[in-house]
Protein backbone atom coordinates (compact mmCIF):
# COMPACT_ATOMS: atom_id res chain seq x y z
CA MET A 1 -176.42 -81.94 105.05
CA LYS A 2 -177.72 -85.46 104.53
CA SER A 3 -175.90 -88.51 105.80
CA SER A 4 -172.73 -89.61 104.02
CA ARG A 5 -173.49 -93.24 104.86
CA PHE A 6 -174.12 -95.67 102.04
CA MET A 7 -177.66 -95.59 100.64
CA LYS A 8 -178.85 -98.59 98.63
CA ARG A 9 -179.83 -97.53 95.14
CA PHE A 10 -183.17 -99.32 95.35
CA TYR A 11 -184.59 -97.51 92.33
CA ARG A 12 -182.37 -99.67 90.14
CA ASP A 13 -184.58 -102.62 91.01
CA TRP A 14 -187.37 -100.90 89.07
CA THR A 15 -185.40 -100.63 85.83
CA ARG A 16 -186.98 -102.33 82.84
CA ALA A 17 -184.78 -102.41 79.75
CA LYS A 18 -184.83 -106.10 78.84
CA GLU A 19 -183.62 -105.55 75.29
CA PHE A 20 -180.39 -103.98 76.59
CA TYR A 21 -177.27 -105.42 78.17
CA PRO A 22 -176.82 -104.14 81.75
CA THR A 23 -173.42 -103.62 83.35
CA HIS A 24 -172.77 -102.51 86.93
CA ILE A 25 -169.37 -100.93 87.55
CA VAL A 26 -168.03 -99.50 90.80
CA ALA A 27 -164.80 -97.51 91.11
CA LYS A 28 -164.42 -95.95 94.55
CA GLU A 29 -167.32 -93.49 94.93
CA THR A 30 -168.34 -93.88 91.28
CA ASP A 31 -171.19 -96.41 91.04
CA LEU A 32 -172.58 -96.79 87.52
CA LEU A 33 -175.37 -98.83 85.98
CA ILE A 34 -174.94 -98.87 82.21
CA PHE A 35 -177.32 -100.21 79.55
CA THR A 36 -176.15 -100.74 75.97
CA ASN A 37 -177.56 -102.33 72.83
CA LYS A 38 -174.69 -104.84 72.67
CA PRO A 39 -172.43 -106.40 75.31
CA LEU A 40 -170.26 -103.82 76.99
CA LYS A 41 -166.49 -104.09 77.02
CA ALA A 42 -166.08 -103.63 80.75
CA GLY A 43 -162.33 -103.12 80.50
CA PHE A 44 -162.79 -100.15 78.19
CA VAL A 45 -165.34 -98.55 80.54
CA GLU A 46 -163.24 -99.16 83.64
CA GLU A 47 -160.22 -97.58 81.95
CA ARG A 48 -162.23 -94.49 81.01
CA ILE A 49 -163.66 -94.15 84.52
CA ARG A 50 -160.19 -94.45 86.05
CA ALA A 51 -158.91 -91.80 83.64
CA TYR A 52 -161.69 -89.34 84.48
CA ARG A 53 -161.36 -89.96 88.21
CA TRP A 54 -157.59 -89.48 87.96
CA ASP A 55 -158.10 -86.16 86.15
CA ILE A 56 -160.44 -84.93 88.88
CA GLU A 57 -158.45 -86.29 91.84
CA ASN A 58 -155.17 -85.00 90.43
CA TYR A 59 -156.65 -81.53 90.04
CA ILE A 60 -158.01 -81.62 93.61
CA ASN A 61 -154.49 -82.42 94.82
CA ARG A 62 -153.30 -79.24 93.11
CA ASP A 63 -156.23 -77.08 94.23
CA HIS A 64 -158.21 -78.34 97.23
CA ARG A 65 -160.88 -75.70 96.62
CA PHE A 66 -162.15 -77.77 93.70
CA LEU A 67 -163.39 -80.39 96.18
CA THR A 68 -164.93 -78.14 98.84
CA ALA A 69 -166.04 -74.93 97.11
CA LEU A 70 -169.77 -74.20 97.25
CA LYS A 71 -169.44 -71.46 94.64
CA PRO A 72 -167.80 -71.47 91.19
CA ILE A 73 -164.02 -71.25 91.04
CA PRO A 74 -161.68 -70.68 88.08
CA VAL A 75 -159.48 -73.56 86.96
CA GLU A 76 -156.07 -73.65 85.35
CA ILE A 77 -155.84 -73.21 81.59
CA ASN A 78 -154.13 -76.61 81.28
CA ALA A 79 -156.77 -78.47 83.31
CA SER A 80 -158.23 -81.61 81.75
CA PRO A 81 -161.42 -81.38 79.63
CA ILE A 82 -163.64 -82.91 82.32
CA VAL A 83 -162.33 -80.50 84.97
CA LYS A 84 -162.87 -77.53 82.65
CA ASN A 85 -166.38 -78.77 81.86
CA MET A 86 -167.24 -79.09 85.56
CA ALA A 87 -165.99 -75.57 86.25
CA GLU A 88 -167.84 -74.11 83.27
CA GLN A 89 -171.20 -75.74 83.99
CA SER A 90 -171.06 -75.04 87.74
CA LYS A 91 -170.47 -71.36 86.97
CA LYS A 92 -173.74 -71.21 85.01
CA ALA A 93 -175.62 -72.53 88.05
CA ASN A 94 -173.58 -70.63 90.69
CA VAL A 95 -172.55 -73.76 92.60
CA GLY A 96 -169.26 -75.49 93.36
CA PRO A 97 -167.68 -77.65 90.64
CA MET A 98 -168.14 -80.95 92.48
CA SER A 99 -171.90 -80.48 92.22
CA THR A 100 -171.48 -81.57 88.59
CA VAL A 101 -169.29 -84.64 89.12
CA ALA A 102 -171.90 -87.40 88.72
CA GLY A 103 -173.39 -85.81 85.63
CA ALA A 104 -169.97 -85.05 84.15
CA ILE A 105 -168.72 -88.63 84.44
CA ALA A 106 -171.98 -89.96 82.98
CA GLU A 107 -171.75 -87.42 80.15
CA PHE A 108 -168.13 -88.05 79.20
CA LEU A 109 -168.49 -91.82 79.44
CA GLY A 110 -171.73 -91.77 77.45
CA HIS A 111 -170.10 -89.94 74.57
CA ASP A 112 -167.11 -92.32 74.75
CA LEU A 113 -169.51 -95.24 74.26
CA LEU A 114 -171.23 -93.56 71.32
CA LYS A 115 -167.86 -92.95 69.69
CA ALA A 116 -167.02 -96.62 70.28
CA GLY A 117 -170.01 -97.68 68.17
CA TYR A 118 -172.79 -98.29 70.69
CA LYS A 119 -176.14 -97.08 69.34
CA ASP A 120 -178.22 -97.11 72.52
CA VAL A 121 -176.54 -95.96 75.72
CA ILE A 122 -177.93 -95.27 79.19
CA VAL A 123 -175.46 -94.32 81.90
CA GLU A 124 -176.98 -93.88 85.38
CA ASN A 125 -174.74 -92.41 88.04
CA GLY A 126 -176.47 -91.82 91.37
CA GLY A 127 -179.75 -90.78 89.75
CA ASP A 128 -178.06 -88.65 87.09
CA ILE A 129 -178.54 -90.01 83.58
CA PHE A 130 -176.95 -89.79 80.15
CA LEU A 131 -179.41 -91.19 77.60
CA LYS A 132 -179.10 -91.94 73.89
CA THR A 133 -181.89 -94.08 72.52
CA ARG A 134 -183.40 -95.17 69.22
CA SER A 135 -186.84 -95.80 70.74
CA ARG A 136 -189.13 -94.01 73.17
CA ARG A 137 -188.13 -94.37 76.80
CA LYS A 138 -189.91 -93.88 80.11
CA VAL A 139 -187.88 -92.36 82.93
CA GLY A 140 -189.37 -92.60 86.40
CA VAL A 141 -189.21 -89.69 88.83
CA TYR A 142 -188.63 -90.82 92.41
CA VAL A 143 -190.54 -88.41 94.64
CA GLY A 144 -189.80 -89.74 98.14
CA ARG A 145 -192.53 -88.82 100.62
CA SER A 146 -194.95 -87.46 97.99
CA LYS A 147 -197.38 -90.33 97.34
CA LEU A 148 -199.50 -88.21 95.00
CA TRP A 149 -196.79 -88.29 92.31
CA SER A 150 -195.46 -91.81 93.00
CA LYS A 151 -196.15 -93.08 89.46
CA LEU A 152 -194.79 -90.06 87.65
CA GLN A 153 -192.77 -90.88 84.51
CA LEU A 154 -191.15 -88.76 81.83
CA GLU A 155 -191.43 -89.79 78.21
CA ILE A 156 -188.25 -89.27 76.19
CA LYS A 157 -188.30 -89.25 72.39
CA PRO A 158 -185.30 -90.56 70.41
CA LYS A 159 -185.00 -87.33 68.42
CA ASP A 160 -184.32 -85.43 71.63
CA THR A 161 -181.35 -87.59 72.60
CA PRO A 162 -178.52 -87.67 73.57
CA LEU A 163 -179.86 -86.04 76.69
CA GLY A 164 -179.02 -85.48 80.33
CA ILE A 165 -181.67 -86.02 83.01
CA CYS A 166 -180.46 -85.19 86.50
CA THR A 167 -182.18 -85.10 89.87
CA SER A 168 -181.49 -83.40 93.19
CA SER A 169 -183.41 -83.81 96.43
CA GLY A 170 -183.38 -82.21 99.84
CA THR A 171 -185.09 -85.24 101.41
CA LEU A 172 -183.35 -88.21 99.80
CA GLY A 173 -179.74 -89.22 99.28
CA HIS A 174 -176.40 -88.25 100.79
CA SER A 175 -175.53 -85.17 98.72
CA LEU A 176 -175.32 -81.76 100.31
CA SER A 177 -178.53 -79.74 99.89
CA PHE A 178 -179.69 -76.52 101.49
CA GLY A 179 -183.34 -77.02 100.52
CA CYS A 180 -186.17 -79.43 101.22
CA ALA A 181 -187.59 -80.21 97.77
CA ASP A 182 -188.57 -83.84 97.30
CA SER A 183 -187.34 -83.85 93.73
CA VAL A 184 -185.89 -81.39 91.23
CA VAL A 185 -185.37 -82.83 87.75
CA ILE A 186 -183.45 -80.88 85.12
CA ILE A 187 -183.29 -81.86 81.45
CA SER A 188 -180.41 -80.62 79.29
CA LYS A 189 -178.22 -81.77 76.45
CA SER A 190 -175.41 -81.66 79.01
CA PRO A 191 -175.79 -83.95 82.05
CA SER A 192 -173.12 -81.96 83.90
CA LEU A 193 -175.13 -78.76 83.43
CA ALA A 194 -178.33 -80.56 84.43
CA ASP A 195 -176.60 -81.85 87.56
CA ALA A 196 -175.39 -78.38 88.57
CA VAL A 197 -178.73 -76.69 87.91
CA ALA A 198 -180.65 -79.41 89.76
CA THR A 199 -178.47 -78.82 92.82
CA SER A 200 -178.75 -75.04 92.63
CA THR A 201 -182.52 -75.15 92.10
CA ALA A 202 -183.10 -77.57 94.97
CA ASN A 203 -181.04 -75.32 97.25
CA ARG A 204 -183.55 -72.53 96.68
CA ILE A 205 -186.64 -74.42 97.89
CA ASN A 206 -187.63 -74.43 101.54
CA SER A 207 -191.38 -73.90 101.22
CA LYS A 208 -194.20 -73.77 98.68
CA ASP A 209 -193.60 -70.03 98.35
CA ASP A 210 -190.16 -70.72 96.83
CA LEU A 211 -191.37 -72.88 93.93
CA GLN A 212 -191.95 -70.22 91.30
CA ARG A 213 -188.74 -68.39 92.14
CA ALA A 214 -186.76 -71.63 91.87
CA LEU A 215 -188.44 -72.49 88.57
CA ASP A 216 -187.68 -69.04 87.18
CA PHE A 217 -184.02 -69.51 88.08
CA ALA A 218 -183.77 -72.94 86.42
CA ARG A 219 -185.45 -71.83 83.20
CA SER A 220 -183.16 -68.78 83.01
CA VAL A 221 -180.02 -70.93 82.66
CA LYS A 222 -179.00 -71.27 79.02
CA GLY A 223 -178.95 -74.93 78.05
CA VAL A 224 -181.77 -76.05 80.34
CA LEU A 225 -184.54 -77.66 78.28
CA GLY A 226 -186.99 -78.81 80.94
CA VAL A 227 -187.69 -78.55 84.66
CA VAL A 228 -189.79 -80.60 87.10
CA ILE A 229 -190.04 -79.59 90.77
CA ILE A 230 -191.91 -81.54 93.43
CA LEU A 231 -192.45 -80.43 97.02
CA LYS A 232 -194.88 -82.65 98.94
CA ASN A 233 -198.14 -82.46 96.93
CA ASN A 234 -197.01 -79.53 94.79
CA LEU A 235 -195.69 -80.02 91.26
CA ILE A 236 -194.48 -77.33 88.89
CA THR A 237 -192.93 -77.79 85.43
CA TRP A 238 -191.52 -75.86 82.51
CA GLY A 239 -190.11 -76.55 79.06
CA ASN A 240 -189.68 -79.76 77.12
CA VAL A 241 -191.35 -82.00 79.69
CA GLU A 242 -193.77 -84.74 78.62
CA PHE A 243 -195.30 -87.13 81.11
CA CYS A 244 -196.37 -90.66 80.21
CA LYS A 245 -200.12 -91.22 80.11
């Protein structure tokens, strides 16, 4: 388990989206950087975040397993949509529901903003991204100790969005991981699914010999569109993955 102490999100200093309006919003553990094509109504976003956090926290108060489970658990039939989504996507990846929380909040909030009339939306939540864009975008892959891949960037086409791009690491960050991959990036239409599969895939990697097995698992999950795995100087990919030249 990595440290639960605060880690500065230094990668945000590298963000270049000058044509967008950036907004930084923090609500307890939820720390979002949002880019939109027009000024964001912060009150609307804060209300939606509070609502989603209340749904999750209220459900945890009723069933503490939702917070601590490392494997999928069933949820009540009257659970809120975000709780049901977290349970459903975590089941596909065979991990606990809270492994999807960053991706789920980014996903639900991103669709809220699209419904509210925003045309370009990027929601970044702890390295997990919801992206809807009308122009090509470059998304950097932070690879930690692996200098060989330090300039690696994904190219995202507008026609492929909205899209979720989520990352898990066994060497960076404070999230629980049972592996030692430097970076596992999962691309999916659903950020919550991408978040869960990234966690589950990273858990399976402890040496170079695990890479193909982990990749085979990730690509077997219905809804996964692309996979990037980096372990030291080793890189393996599958699916709809295009790197910038």
